[in-house]
Amino acid sequence: QVKIDWSLPEGRAEGDKCRSSHLRDYPIINTVTLRAGQPWLEVVTEVNNTVEDHYLQVCFPTGIPSTHVATQGQFDVLERLIVRDDDTPYTETPMTEHPMNSFVDRSNGYIGLALLNEGLKAYEAQDDAACTIALSLIRAYPLQICVTQDMLTDYSQMDKGSQCLGKQRFCYAIFPHAGDWEQGKVWRASERFNLAFQACQMGPTKHGTEPLTKSFLEIQPEGLHVSAVKRSEQAGGWVIRLFNPSREKQRGTLRLNAGQTGPLKVQSPVERVQSEFALPAGKGQPWEQVRLVTLEELPERDLAMDKDGWVQFEIGRKQILTLEFLPGGSA
């Protein structure tokens, strides 16, 4: 645990030209955890934000010179320039802070350092000697709505929500890796950091027939990602939506529920207890048809499925693909 005894101005000074000369104590507590077999270092930063009008970042000198950073976006990984062009046609200084989802990564192609995060949505990559990446933790500002220069509505004294006051807790991780974000499997690491496994214990039953290890949904290669598993809107089957954030076309394979539709009868929680968690007698049937559909789930073309239930497909770079699995008599 690393404690920082800090002091910050309590807010902006009258006239909004500078910050207050009166300081308040601002302790920061960082809890750093390294778990056995885990490739990243976890950090939890806790603060009690008692001051206003400030911008709090945590900065990491990576020591990795690069012209770009890679950051997770919506169904994609975006690459953004670090160096800003000074010859800008705009009168305002360009923003150096950019949005992200679960990670930002800086790599020179041989080694990289990714910052994984839980719920933080902004970063800043700096063109300095230390090759710094910063995560934005708090952006506290007065709530003012200005439509024109002559019409300013100031809510800052009656509504302090934009000041982010009170206890705050931030979770992020430091993940060094080989290669770039794709070779280093940074996306997978960010998902594991955000979506931890949950262990559940069930009572023993004499009716178990399924193997001890089984996957409801299997997909290869692991660079492809599933964004939705849902009931089909029209045909009574199931829809799997996946996407390819990489720079290359991928050949993939996918299997849903080991190629079977699963039990024909759905039990209620009470029925499951009454049957001592025995699965219904009906073991379902093999999927009869698999097809590509649009986002609206309109059919496009059929896909072949082998005897073990695996479906092969191609998915282009930065592409979203939707597959529909149909039981017998549903098409």
C-alpha atoms as a PDB file:
ATOM      1  CA  GLN A   1       0.000   0.000   0.000  1.00  0.00           C
ATOM      2  CA  VAL A   2       1.408   3.387  -1.063  1.00  0.00           C
ATOM      3  CA  LYS A   3       0.116   6.502   0.686  1.00  0.00           C
ATOM      4  CA  ILE A   4       0.649   9.992  -0.720  1.00  0.00           C
ATOM      5  CA  ASP A   5       0.152  13.008   1.576  1.00  0.00           C
ATOM      6  CA  TRP A   6      -0.826  15.766  -0.814  1.00  0.00           C
ATOM      7  CA  SER A   7      -2.396  19.215  -0.642  1.00  0.00           C
ATOM      8  CA  LEU A   8      -4.521  20.898  -3.298  1.00  0.00           C
ATOM      9  CA  PRO A   9      -6.191  24.319  -3.680  1.00  0.00           C
ATOM     10  CA  GLU A  10      -9.738  24.122  -2.363  1.00  0.00           C
ATOM     11  CA  GLY A  11     -11.184  25.496  -5.621  1.00  0.00           C
ATOM     12  CA  ARG A  12     -11.063  28.361  -8.076  1.00  0.00           C
ATOM     13  CA  ALA A  13     -10.496  31.866  -6.792  1.00  0.00           C
ATOM     14  CA  GLU A  14     -12.990  34.674  -7.161  1.00  0.00           C
ATOM     15  CA  GLY A  15     -13.008  35.905 -10.743  1.00  0.00           C
ATOM     16  CA  ASP A  16     -12.104  32.483 -12.116  1.00  0.00           C
ATOM     17  CA  LYS A  17      -8.624  33.677 -13.134  1.00  0.00           C
ATOM     18  CA  CYS A  18      -6.644  31.351 -10.861  1.00  0.00           C
ATOM     19  CA  ARG A  19      -7.030  28.757  -8.143  1.00  0.00           C
ATOM     20  CA  SER A  20      -7.390  29.427  -4.452  1.00  0.00           C
ATOM     21  CA  SER A  21      -4.298  29.988  -2.309  1.00  0.00           C
ATOM     22  CA  HIS A  22      -5.957  28.062   0.525  1.00  0.00           C
ATOM     23  CA  LEU A  23      -4.878  24.403   0.516  1.00  0.00           C
ATOM     24  CA  ARG A  24      -6.649  21.341   1.845  1.00  0.00           C
ATOM     25  CA  ASP A  25      -5.137  17.983   2.735  1.00  0.00           C
ATOM     26  CA  TYR A  26      -5.662  15.492  -0.074  1.00  0.00           C
ATOM     27  CA  PRO A  27      -4.356  12.021   0.882  1.00  0.00           C
ATOM     28  CA  ILE A  28      -4.225   9.368  -1.837  1.00  0.00           C
ATOM     29  CA  ILE A  29      -4.048   5.636  -1.053  1.00  0.00           C
ATOM     30  CA  ASN A  30      -2.818   3.209  -3.728  1.00  0.00           C
ATOM     31  CA  THR A  31      -3.187  -0.518  -3.091  1.00  0.00           C
ATOM     32  CA  VAL A  32      -0.986  -2.542  -5.449  1.00  0.00           C
ATOM     33  CA  THR A  33      -1.590  -6.282  -5.910  1.00  0.00           C
ATOM     34  CA  LEU A  34       0.375  -8.889  -7.851  1.00  0.00           C
ATOM     35  CA  ARG A  35      -1.360 -12.282  -7.926  1.00  0.00           C
ATOM     36  CA  ALA A  36       0.344 -15.583  -8.669  1.00  0.00           C
ATOM     37  CA  GLY A  37       0.293 -16.361 -12.386  1.00  0.00           C
ATOM     38  CA  GLN A  38      -1.331 -13.063 -13.317  1.00  0.00           C
ATOM     39  CA  PRO A  39       0.430 -11.098 -16.096  1.00  0.00           C
ATOM     40  CA  TRP A  40      -0.647  -7.649 -14.887  1.00  0.00           C
ATOM     41  CA  LEU A  41      -0.222  -5.567 -11.760  1.00  0.00           C
ATOM     42  CA  GLU A  42      -3.501  -4.403 -10.188  1.00  0.00           C
ATOM     43  CA  VAL A  43      -3.826  -0.929  -8.671  1.00  0.00           C
ATOM     44  CA  VAL A  44      -6.713   0.494  -6.652  1.00  0.00           C
ATOM     45  CA  THR A  45      -6.536   4.252  -6.010  1.00  0.00           C
ATOM     46  CA  GLU A  46      -8.771   5.716  -3.297  1.00  0.00           C
ATOM     47  CA  VAL A  47      -9.331   9.407  -2.622  1.00  0.00           C
ATOM     48  CA  ASN A  48     -11.820  11.496  -0.714  1.00  0.00           C
ATOM     49  CA  ASN A  49     -12.329  14.385  -3.120  1.00  0.00           C
ATOM     50  CA  THR A  50     -12.884  17.439  -0.925  1.00  0.00           C
ATOM     51  CA  VAL A  51     -11.657  20.114  -3.383  1.00  0.00           C
ATOM     52  CA  GLU A  52     -13.203  21.576  -6.509  1.00  0.00           C
ATOM     53  CA  ASP A  53     -12.130  22.641  -9.994  1.00  0.00           C
ATOM     54  CA  HIS A  54      -9.237  20.287 -10.606  1.00  0.00           C
ATOM     55  CA  TYR A  55      -8.110  17.583 -12.992  1.00  0.00           C
ATOM     56  CA  LEU A  56      -6.558  14.439 -11.483  1.00  0.00           C
ATOM     57  CA  GLN A  57      -4.501  12.031 -13.595  1.00  0.00           C
ATOM     58  CA  VAL A  58      -2.240   9.097 -12.817  1.00  0.00           C
ATOM     59  CA  CYS A  59       0.821   9.100 -15.092  1.00  0.00           C
ATOM     60  CA  PHE A  60       3.010   6.209 -16.211  1.00  0.00           C
ATOM     61  CA  PRO A  61       6.435   6.813 -17.826  1.00  0.00           C
ATOM     62  CA  THR A  62       6.557   3.861 -20.230  1.00  0.00           C
ATOM     63  CA  GLY A  63       9.983   4.458 -21.762  1.00  0.00           C
ATOM     64  CA  ILE A  64       8.601   3.150 -25.085  1.00  0.00           C
ATOM     65  CA  PRO A  65       9.060   5.624 -27.960  1.00  0.00           C
ATOM     66  CA  SER A  66       6.208   5.399 -30.469  1.00  0.00           C
ATOM     67  CA  THR A  67       4.232   7.609 -32.811  1.00  0.00           C
ATOM     68  CA  HIS A  68       0.836   6.023 -32.033  1.00  0.00           C
ATOM     69  CA  VAL A  69      -1.160   4.539 -29.198  1.00  0.00           C
ATOM     70  CA  ALA A  70      -3.815   1.856 -29.603  1.00  0.00           C
ATOM     71  CA  THR A  71      -7.029   2.100 -27.624  1.00  0.00           C
ATOM     72  CA  GLN A  72     -10.162   0.007 -27.362  1.00  0.00           C
ATOM     73  CA  GLY A  73     -13.232   1.526 -28.994  1.00  0.00           C
ATOM     74  CA  GLN A  74     -16.642   0.188 -29.952  1.00  0.00           C
ATOM     75  CA  PHE A  75     -16.076  -3.170 -31.723  1.00  0.00           C
ATOM     76  CA  ASP A  76     -12.646  -1.889 -32.780  1.00  0.00           C
ATOM     77  CA  VAL A  77      -9.131  -0.903 -31.760  1.00  0.00           C
ATOM     78  CA  LEU A  78      -8.260   2.655 -32.767  1.00  0.00           C
ATOM     79  CA  GLU A  79      -4.750   3.938 -33.455  1.00  0.00           C
ATOM     80  CA  ARG A  80      -4.177   7.616 -32.698  1.00  0.00           C
ATOM     81  CA  LEU A  81      -1.177   9.844 -33.322  1.00  0.00           C
ATOM     82  CA  ILE A  82       0.664  11.048 -30.248  1.00  0.00           C
ATOM     83  CA  VAL A  83       2.404  14.055 -31.815  1.00  0.00           C
ATOM     84  CA  ARG A  84       0.011  16.919 -32.591  1.00  0.00           C
ATOM     85  CA  ASP A  85       0.373  19.039 -35.700  1.00  0.00           C
ATOM     86  CA  ASP A  86       1.187  22.644 -34.726  1.00  0.00           C
ATOM     87  CA  ASP A  87      -0.028  23.912 -38.087  1.00  0.00           C
ATOM     88  CA  THR A  88      -3.702  23.706 -37.142  1.00  0.00           C
ATOM     89  CA  PRO A  89      -6.427  25.786 -38.797  1.00  0.00           C
ATOM     90  CA  TYR A  90      -8.331  26.039 -35.517  1.00  0.00           C
ATOM     91  CA  THR A  91      -8.038  28.927 -33.100  1.00  0.00           C
ATOM     92  CA  GLU A  92      -8.404  26.680 -30.050  1.00  0.00           C
ATOM     93  CA  THR A  93      -5.652  24.377 -28.790  1.00  0.00           C
ATOM     94  CA  PRO A  94      -6.451  20.757 -29.804  1.00  0.00           C
ATOM     95  CA  MET A  95      -7.488  18.433 -26.990  1.00  0.00           C
ATOM     96  CA  THR A  96      -4.739  16.063 -25.870  1.00  0.00           C
ATOM     97  CA  GLU A  97      -7.172  13.834 -23.945  1.00  0.00           C
ATOM     98  CA  HIS A  98      -9.030  11.125 -25.878  1.00  0.00           C
ATOM     99  CA  PRO A  99     -11.772   8.585 -25.132  1.00  0.00           C
ATOM    100  CA  MET A 100     -11.238   4.861 -24.606  1.00  0.00           C
ATOM    101  CA  ASN A 101     -13.018   1.828 -23.267  1.00  0.00           C
ATOM    102  CA  SER A 102     -11.055  -0.798 -21.336  1.00  0.00           C
ATOM    103  CA  PHE A 103      -7.462  -0.236 -22.388  1.00  0.00           C
ATOM    104  CA  VAL A 104      -4.861   2.038 -23.940  1.00  0.00           C
ATOM    105  CA  ASP A 105      -1.598   0.564 -25.204  1.00  0.00           C
ATOM    106  CA  ARG A 106       1.770   2.033 -26.193  1.00  0.00           C
ATOM    107  CA  SER A 107       4.077  -0.204 -28.237  1.00  0.00           C
ATOM    108  CA  ASN A 108       7.056   0.074 -30.560  1.00  0.00           C
ATOM    109  CA  GLY A 109       6.203  -3.230 -32.249  1.00  0.00           C
ATOM    110  CA  TYR A 110       8.617  -5.256 -30.101  1.00  0.00           C
ATOM    111  CA  ILE A 111       7.450  -4.474 -26.578  1.00  0.00           C
ATOM    112  CA  GLY A 112       4.436  -2.667 -25.203  1.00  0.00           C
ATOM    113  CA  LEU A 113       2.766  -1.433 -22.055  1.00  0.00           C
ATOM    114  CA  ALA A 114      -1.005  -1.467 -21.737  1.00  0.00           C
ATOM    115  CA  LEU A 115      -3.100   0.210 -19.054  1.00  0.00           C
ATOM    116  CA  LEU A 116      -6.247  -1.789 -18.378  1.00  0.00           C
ATOM    117  CA  ASN A 117      -9.065  -0.110 -16.519  1.00  0.00           C
ATOM    118  CA  GLU A 118     -12.471  -0.610 -15.004  1.00  0.00           C
ATOM    119  CA  GLY A 119     -14.807   2.233 -15.954  1.00  0.00           C
ATOM    120  CA  LEU A 120     -12.239   4.938 -16.754  1.00  0.00           C
ATOM    121  CA  LYS A 121     -13.023   6.538 -20.095  1.00  0.00           C
ATOM    122  CA  ALA A 122     -10.196   8.945 -20.959  1.00  0.00           C
ATOM    123  CA  TYR A 123      -6.422   8.905 -21.407  1.00  0.00           C
ATOM    124  CA  GLU A 124      -3.637  11.208 -22.551  1.00  0.00           C
ATOM    125  CA  ALA A 125      -0.507  10.077 -24.427  1.00  0.00           C
ATOM    126  CA  GLN A 126       2.359  12.546 -24.109  1.00  0.00           C
ATOM    127  CA  ASP A 127       5.247  13.205 -26.487  1.00  0.00           C
ATOM    128  CA  ASP A 128       7.813  13.651 -23.723  1.00  0.00           C
ATOM    129  CA  ALA A 129      11.165  12.037 -22.958  1.00  0.00           C
ATOM    130  CA  ALA A 130       9.518   9.487 -20.646  1.00  0.00           C
ATOM    131  CA  CYS A 131       6.888   8.484 -23.256  1.00  0.00           C
ATOM    132  CA  THR A 132       4.152   8.966 -20.668  1.00  0.00           C
ATOM    133  CA  ILE A 133       0.594   7.636 -20.728  1.00  0.00           C
ATOM    134  CA  ALA A 134      -1.874   9.179 -18.275  1.00  0.00           C
ATOM    135  CA  LEU A 135      -5.253   7.896 -17.114  1.00  0.00           C
ATOM    136  CA  SER A 136      -7.865  10.526 -16.229  1.00  0.00           C
ATOM    137  CA  LEU A 137      -9.352   9.845 -12.796  1.00  0.00           C
ATOM    138  CA  ILE A 138     -11.246  13.029 -11.892  1.00  0.00           C
ATOM    139  CA  ARG A 139     -12.305  16.004 -14.006  1.00  0.00           C
ATOM    140  CA  ALA A 140     -14.007  18.396 -11.572  1.00  0.00           C
ATOM    141  CA  TYR A 141     -15.497  21.608 -12.964  1.00  0.00           C
ATOM    142  CA  PRO A 142     -18.254  24.139 -12.208  1.00  0.00           C
ATOM    143  CA  LEU A 143     -21.628  23.501 -13.790  1.00  0.00           C
ATOM    144  CA  GLN A 144     -22.167  26.473 -16.079  1.00  0.00           C
ATOM    145  CA  ILE A 145     -24.200  26.644 -19.269  1.00  0.00           C
ATOM    146  CA  CYS A 146     -23.141  29.326 -21.685  1.00  0.00           C
ATOM    147  CA  VAL A 147     -25.236  29.771 -24.822  1.00  0.00           C
ATOM    148  CA  THR A 148     -23.677  33.115 -25.804  1.00  0.00           C
ATOM    149  CA  GLN A 149     -21.129  35.408 -24.191  1.00  0.00           C
ATOM    150  CA  ASP A 150     -23.952  37.578 -22.948  1.00  0.00           C
ATOM    151  CA  MET A 151     -25.993  34.751 -21.468  1.00  0.00           C
ATOM    152  CA  LEU A 152     -24.338  32.584 -18.818  1.00  0.00           C
ATOM    153  CA  THR A 153     -26.325  30.413 -16.425  1.00  0.00           C
ATOM    154  CA  ASP A 154     -24.252  29.442 -13.386  1.00  0.00           C
ATOM    155  CA  TYR A 155     -25.470  26.388 -11.450  1.00  0.00           C
ATOM    156  CA  SER A 156     -22.155  25.824  -9.687  1.00  0.00           C
ATOM    157  CA  GLN A 157     -23.372  26.935  -6.256  1.00  0.00           C
ATOM    158  CA  MET A 158     -26.583  24.926  -6.212  1.00  0.00           C
ATOM    159  CA  ASP A 159     -25.441  21.750  -7.983  1.00  0.00           C
ATOM    160  CA  LYS A 160     -22.051  20.233  -7.152  1.00  0.00           C
ATOM    161  CA  GLY A 161     -22.484  17.005  -9.125  1.00  0.00           C
ATOM    162  CA  SER A 162     -19.896  17.963 -11.733  1.00  0.00           C
ATOM    163  CA  GLN A 163     -17.278  18.437  -8.983  1.00  0.00           C
ATOM    164  CA  CYS A 164     -17.159  14.667  -8.207  1.00  0.00           C
ATOM    165  CA  LEU A 165     -17.043  15.308  -4.469  1.00  0.00           C
ATOM    166  CA  GLY A 166     -16.780  12.493  -1.942  1.00  0.00           C
ATOM    167  CA  LYS A 167     -15.027   9.152  -1.753  1.00  0.00           C
ATOM    168  CA  GLN A 168     -13.807   7.793  -5.095  1.00  0.00           C
ATOM    169  CA  ARG A 169     -12.283   4.417  -5.948  1.00  0.00           C
ATOM    170  CA  PHE A 170     -10.478   3.680  -9.230  1.00  0.00           C
ATOM    171  CA  CYS A 171      -9.354   0.253 -10.456  1.00  0.00           C
ATOM    172  CA  TYR A 172      -6.754  -0.216 -13.188  1.00  0.00           C
ATOM    173  CA  ALA A 173      -3.833  -2.470 -14.081  1.00  0.00           C
ATOM    174  CA  ILE A 174      -0.343  -2.262 -15.615  1.00  0.00           C
ATOM    175  CA  PHE A 175       0.192  -4.913 -18.295  1.00  0.00           C
ATOM    176  CA  PRO A 176       3.613  -5.222 -20.006  1.00  0.00           C
ATOM    177  CA  HIS A 177       3.656  -7.469 -23.059  1.00  0.00           C
ATOM    178  CA  ALA A 178       5.586  -8.530 -26.153  1.00  0.00           C
ATOM    179  CA  GLY A 179       4.778  -7.122 -29.602  1.00  0.00           C
ATOM    180  CA  ASP A 180       1.850  -4.811 -30.298  1.00  0.00           C
ATOM    181  CA  TRP A 181      -1.642  -4.920 -28.746  1.00  0.00           C
ATOM    182  CA  GLU A 182      -2.677  -7.780 -31.020  1.00  0.00           C
ATOM    183  CA  GLN A 183       0.386  -9.967 -30.449  1.00  0.00           C
ATOM    184  CA  GLY A 184       0.255  -9.203 -26.741  1.00  0.00           C
ATOM    185  CA  LYS A 185      -3.432 -10.238 -26.526  1.00  0.00           C
ATOM    186  CA  VAL A 186      -4.278  -6.980 -24.782  1.00  0.00           C
ATOM    187  CA  TRP A 187      -7.999  -7.123 -25.623  1.00  0.00           C
ATOM    188  CA  ARG A 188      -8.323 -10.543 -23.977  1.00  0.00           C
ATOM    189  CA  ALA A 189      -6.422  -9.293 -20.928  1.00  0.00           C
ATOM    190  CA  SER A 190      -8.765  -6.300 -20.608  1.00  0.00           C
ATOM    191  CA  GLU A 191     -11.806  -8.586 -20.723  1.00  0.00           C
ATOM    192  CA  ARG A 192     -10.370 -10.871 -18.058  1.00  0.00           C
ATOM    193  CA  PHE A 193      -9.556  -7.860 -15.892  1.00  0.00           C
ATOM    194  CA  ASN A 194     -13.102  -6.504 -16.197  1.00  0.00           C
ATOM    195  CA  LEU A 195     -15.060  -9.775 -16.319  1.00  0.00           C
ATOM    196  CA  ALA A 196     -13.669 -11.984 -13.602  1.00  0.00           C
ATOM    197  CA  PHE A 197     -14.737 -15.602 -13.327  1.00  0.00           C
ATOM    198  CA  GLN A 198     -17.324 -16.384 -10.685  1.00  0.00           C
ATOM    199  CA  ALA A 199     -17.093 -19.684  -8.810  1.00  0.00           C
ATOM    200  CA  CYS A 200     -20.354 -21.349  -7.791  1.00  0.00           C
ATOM    201  CA  GLN A 201     -20.926 -24.459  -5.696  1.00  0.00           C
ATOM    202  CA  MET A 202     -23.898 -26.766  -6.186  1.00  0.00           C
ATOM    203  CA  GLY A 203     -25.125 -29.657  -4.120  1.00  0.00           C
ATOM    204  CA  PRO A 204     -24.049 -33.132  -5.277  1.00  0.00           C
ATOM    205  CA  THR A 205     -26.549 -35.083  -7.367  1.00  0.00           C
ATOM    206  CA  LYS A 206     -26.660 -38.707  -8.475  1.00  0.00           C
ATOM    207  CA  HIS A 207     -28.238 -37.697 -11.804  1.00  0.00           C
ATOM    208  CA  GLY A 208     -25.229 -36.031 -13.410  1.00  0.00           C
ATOM    209  CA  THR A 209     -24.523 -37.186 -16.957  1.00  0.00           C
ATOM    210  CA  GLU A 210     -22.676 -34.220 -18.468  1.00  0.00           C
ATOM    211  CA  PRO A 211     -18.842 -34.004 -18.547  1.00  0.00           C
ATOM    212  CA  LEU A 212     -17.126 -32.013 -15.816  1.00  0.00           C
ATOM    213  CA  THR A 213     -15.721 -29.598 -18.418  1.00  0.00           C
ATOM    214  CA  LYS A 214     -18.036 -28.163 -21.056  1.00  0.00           C
ATOM    215  CA  SER A 215     -18.465 -24.883 -22.907  1.00  0.00           C
ATOM    216  CA  PHE A 216     -21.803 -23.457 -23.923  1.00  0.00           C
ATOM    217  CA  LEU A 217     -20.089 -21.497 -26.699  1.00  0.00           C
ATOM    218  CA  GLU A 218     -16.676 -22.187 -28.249  1.00  0.00           C
ATOM    219  CA  ILE A 219     -14.890 -19.902 -30.718  1.00  0.00           C
ATOM    220  CA  GLN A 220     -11.508 -19.908 -32.431  1.00  0.00           C
ATOM    221  CA  PRO A 221      -9.192 -18.056 -32.861  1.00  0.00           C
ATOM    222  CA  GLU A 222      -9.247 -16.207 -29.569  1.00  0.00           C
ATOM    223  CA  GLY A 223      -8.683 -12.872 -31.358  1.00  0.00           C
ATOM    224  CA  LEU A 224     -12.392 -12.905 -32.295  1.00  0.00           C
ATOM    225  CA  HIS A 225     -14.834 -11.553 -29.724  1.00  0.00           C
ATOM    226  CA  VAL A 226     -18.489 -12.260 -28.960  1.00  0.00           C
ATOM    227  CA  SER A 227     -20.704  -9.207 -28.410  1.00  0.00           C
ATOM    228  CA  ALA A 228     -24.163 -10.830 -28.126  1.00  0.00           C
ATOM    229  CA  VAL A 229     -25.848 -14.189 -27.499  1.00  0.00           C
ATOM    230  CA  LYS A 230     -29.623 -13.924 -27.788  1.00  0.00           C
ATOM    231  CA  ARG A 231     -32.822 -15.579 -28.883  1.00  0.00           C
ATOM    232  CA  SER A 232     -33.609 -15.228 -32.565  1.00  0.00           C
ATOM    233  CA  GLU A 233     -36.304 -12.644 -33.287  1.00  0.00           C
ATOM    234  CA  GLN A 234     -38.115 -14.700 -35.916  1.00  0.00           C
ATOM    235  CA  ALA A 235     -37.205 -18.360 -36.188  1.00  0.00           C
ATOM    236  CA  GLY A 236     -37.009 -19.725 -32.627  1.00  0.00           C
ATOM    237  CA  GLY A 237     -33.249 -20.287 -32.727  1.00  0.00           C
ATOM    238  CA  TRP A 238     -30.259 -18.510 -31.245  1.00  0.00           C
ATOM    239  CA  VAL A 239     -28.182 -15.623 -32.567  1.00  0.00           C
ATOM    240  CA  ILE A 240     -24.438 -15.187 -31.980  1.00  0.00           C
ATOM    241  CA  ARG A 241     -22.904 -11.838 -32.872  1.00  0.00           C
ATOM    242  CA  LEU A 242     -19.116 -11.501 -33.043  1.00  0.00           C
ATOM    243  CA  PHE A 243     -16.564  -9.054 -34.376  1.00  0.00           C
ATOM    244  CA  ASN A 244     -12.955  -8.918 -35.553  1.00  0.00           C
ATOM    245  CA  PRO A 245     -11.034  -5.870 -34.244  1.00  0.00           C
ATOM    246  CA  SER A 246      -7.753  -6.907 -35.891  1.00  0.00           C
ATOM    247  CA  ARG A 247      -6.145  -5.514 -39.031  1.00  0.00           C
ATOM    248  CA  GLU A 248      -6.392  -8.806 -40.949  1.00  0.00           C
ATOM    249  CA  LYS A 249      -9.151 -11.040 -42.286  1.00  0.00           C
ATOM    250  CA  GLN A 250      -9.659 -14.096 -40.056  1.00  0.00           C
ATOM    251  CA  ARG A 251     -10.829 -17.651 -40.651  1.00  0.00           C
ATOM    252  CA  GLY A 252     -12.857 -18.707 -37.640  1.00  0.00           C
ATOM    253  CA  THR A 253     -14.766 -21.673 -36.261  1.00  0.00           C
ATOM    254  CA  LEU A 254     -17.631 -21.614 -33.784  1.00  0.00           C
ATOM    255  CA  ARG A 255     -19.690 -24.226 -31.950  1.00  0.00           C
ATOM    256  CA  LEU A 256     -22.825 -23.604 -29.913  1.00  0.00           C
ATOM    257  CA  ASN A 257     -23.637 -25.993 -27.052  1.00  0.00           C
ATOM    258  CA  ALA A 258     -21.463 -28.775 -28.524  1.00  0.00           C
ATOM    259  CA  GLY A 259     -23.573 -28.819 -31.695  1.00  0.00           C
ATOM    260  CA  GLN A 260     -26.820 -29.639 -29.877  1.00  0.00           C
ATOM    261  CA  THR A 261     -29.838 -27.469 -29.115  1.00  0.00           C
ATOM    262  CA  GLY A 262     -29.765 -28.439 -25.427  1.00  0.00           C
ATOM    263  CA  PRO A 263     -32.634 -29.802 -23.286  1.00  0.00           C
ATOM    264  CA  LEU A 264     -36.007 -29.491 -24.989  1.00  0.00           C
ATOM    265  CA  LYS A 265     -37.757 -28.545 -21.752  1.00  0.00           C
ATOM    266  CA  VAL A 266     -36.773 -25.534 -19.673  1.00  0.00           C
ATOM    267  CA  GLN A 267     -37.132 -26.126 -15.933  1.00  0.00           C
ATOM    268  CA  SER A 268     -38.113 -23.528 -13.382  1.00  0.00           C
ATOM    269  CA  PRO A 269     -35.899 -23.154 -10.270  1.00  0.00           C
ATOM    270  CA  VAL A 270     -38.521 -25.052  -8.228  1.00  0.00           C
ATOM    271  CA  GLU A 271     -38.607 -27.899 -10.773  1.00  0.00           C
ATOM    272  CA  ARG A 272     -34.818 -28.115 -10.724  1.00  0.00           C
ATOM    273  CA  VAL A 273     -34.803 -28.547  -6.952  1.00  0.00           C
ATOM    274  CA  GLN A 274     -37.632 -31.087  -7.090  1.00  0.00           C
ATOM    275  CA  SER A 275     -35.738 -33.138  -9.681  1.00  0.00           C
ATOM    276  CA  GLU A 276     -32.519 -32.890  -7.634  1.00  0.00           C
ATOM    277  CA  PHE A 277     -30.968 -30.919 -10.487  1.00  0.00           C
ATOM    278  CA  ALA A 278     -31.401 -33.735 -12.965  1.00  0.00           C
ATOM    279  CA  LEU A 279     -31.636 -32.457 -16.536  1.00  0.00           C
ATOM    280  CA  PRO A 280     -34.875 -33.115 -18.440  1.00  0.00           C
ATOM    281  CA  ALA A 281     -35.015 -36.408 -20.312  1.00  0.00           C
ATOM    282  CA  GLY A 282     -35.128 -34.712 -23.719  1.00  0.00           C
ATOM    283  CA  LYS A 283     -31.526 -34.144 -24.787  1.00  0.00           C
ATOM    284  CA  GLY A 284     -32.469 -31.892 -27.668  1.00  0.00           C
ATOM    285  CA  GLN A 285     -31.385 -32.354 -31.246  1.00  0.00           C
ATOM    286  CA  PRO A 286     -28.549 -31.247 -33.503  1.00  0.00           C
ATOM    287  CA  TRP A 287     -28.863 -27.794 -34.991  1.00  0.00           C
ATOM    288  CA  GLU A 288     -30.451 -28.260 -38.394  1.00  0.00           C
ATOM    289  CA  GLN A 289     -29.301 -25.021 -40.007  1.00  0.00           C
ATOM    290  CA  VAL A 290     -26.746 -22.265 -39.450  1.00  0.00           C
ATOM    291  CA  ARG A 291     -26.861 -19.115 -41.529  1.00  0.00           C
ATOM    292  CA  LEU A 292     -25.420 -15.657 -41.762  1.00  0.00           C
ATOM    293  CA  VAL A 293     -27.953 -12.928 -41.064  1.00  0.00           C
ATOM    294  CA  THR A 294     -27.891  -9.139 -41.026  1.00  0.00           C
ATOM    295  CA  LEU A 295     -28.059  -7.020 -37.853  1.00  0.00           C
ATOM    296  CA  GLU A 296     -31.821  -7.042 -38.437  1.00  0.00           C
ATOM    297  CA  GLU A 297     -31.579 -10.871 -38.523  1.00  0.00           C
ATOM    298  CA  LEU A 298     -32.618 -11.088 -42.155  1.00  0.00           C
ATOM    299  CA  PRO A 299     -31.113 -14.216 -43.787  1.00  0.00           C
ATOM    300  CA  GLU A 300     -28.138 -13.825 -46.120  1.00  0.00           C
ATOM    301  CA  ARG A 301     -26.666 -17.291 -46.791  1.00  0.00           C
ATOM    302  CA  ASP A 302     -26.313 -20.732 -45.216  1.00  0.00           C
ATOM    303  CA  LEU A 303     -23.121 -22.021 -43.579  1.00  0.00           C
ATOM    304  CA  ALA A 304     -21.938 -25.636 -43.413  1.00  0.00           C
ATOM    305  CA  MET A 305     -21.702 -27.437 -40.051  1.00  0.00           C
ATOM    306  CA  ASP A 306     -19.622 -30.599 -39.501  1.00  0.00           C
ATOM    307  CA  LYS A 307     -20.693 -33.689 -37.545  1.00  0.00           C
ATOM    308  CA  ASP A 308     -19.272 -32.282 -34.304  1.00  0.00           C
ATOM    309  CA  GLY A 309     -21.228 -29.032 -34.606  1.00  0.00           C
ATOM    310  CA  TRP A 310     -18.371 -26.741 -35.729  1.00  0.00           C
ATOM    311  CA  VAL A 311     -19.165 -23.981 -38.212  1.00  0.00           C
ATOM    312  CA  GLN A 312     -16.436 -22.399 -40.338  1.00  0.00           C
ATOM    313  CA  PHE A 313     -16.610 -18.805 -41.560  1.00  0.00           C
ATOM    314  CA  GLU A 314     -14.534 -15.861 -42.733  1.00  0.00           C
ATOM    315  CA  ILE A 315     -14.708 -12.461 -41.078  1.00  0.00           C
ATOM    316  CA  GLY A 316     -13.036  -9.375 -42.525  1.00  0.00           C
ATOM    317  CA  ARG A 317     -10.916  -6.827 -40.698  1.00  0.00           C
ATOM    318  CA  LYS A 318     -12.996  -4.542 -38.458  1.00  0.00           C
ATOM    319  CA  GLN A 319     -16.132  -6.521 -39.386  1.00  0.00           C
ATOM    320  CA  ILE A 320     -19.188  -7.517 -37.343  1.00  0.00           C
ATOM    321  CA  LEU A 321     -20.764 -10.892 -38.172  1.00  0.00           C
ATOM    322  CA  THR A 322     -24.093 -12.349 -37.037  1.00  0.00           C
ATOM    323  CA  LEU A 323     -24.790 -16.119 -37.093  1.00  0.00           C
ATOM    324  CA  GLU A 324     -28.174 -17.728 -36.485  1.00  0.00           C
ATOM    325  CA  PHE A 325     -28.512 -21.337 -35.248  1.00  0.00           C
ATOM    326  CA  LEU A 326     -31.842 -22.980 -36.039  1.00  0.00           C
ATOM    327  CA  PRO A 327     -33.341 -26.250 -34.733  1.00  0.00           C
ATOM    328  CA  GLY A 328     -35.445 -28.526 -36.900  1.00  0.00           C
ATOM    329  CA  GLY A 329     -38.667 -26.986 -38.260  1.00  0.00           C
ATOM    330  CA  SER A 330     -37.715 -23.386 -37.438  1.00  0.00           C
ATOM    331  CA  ALA A 331     -36.572 -22.030 -40.783  1.00  0.00           C
END
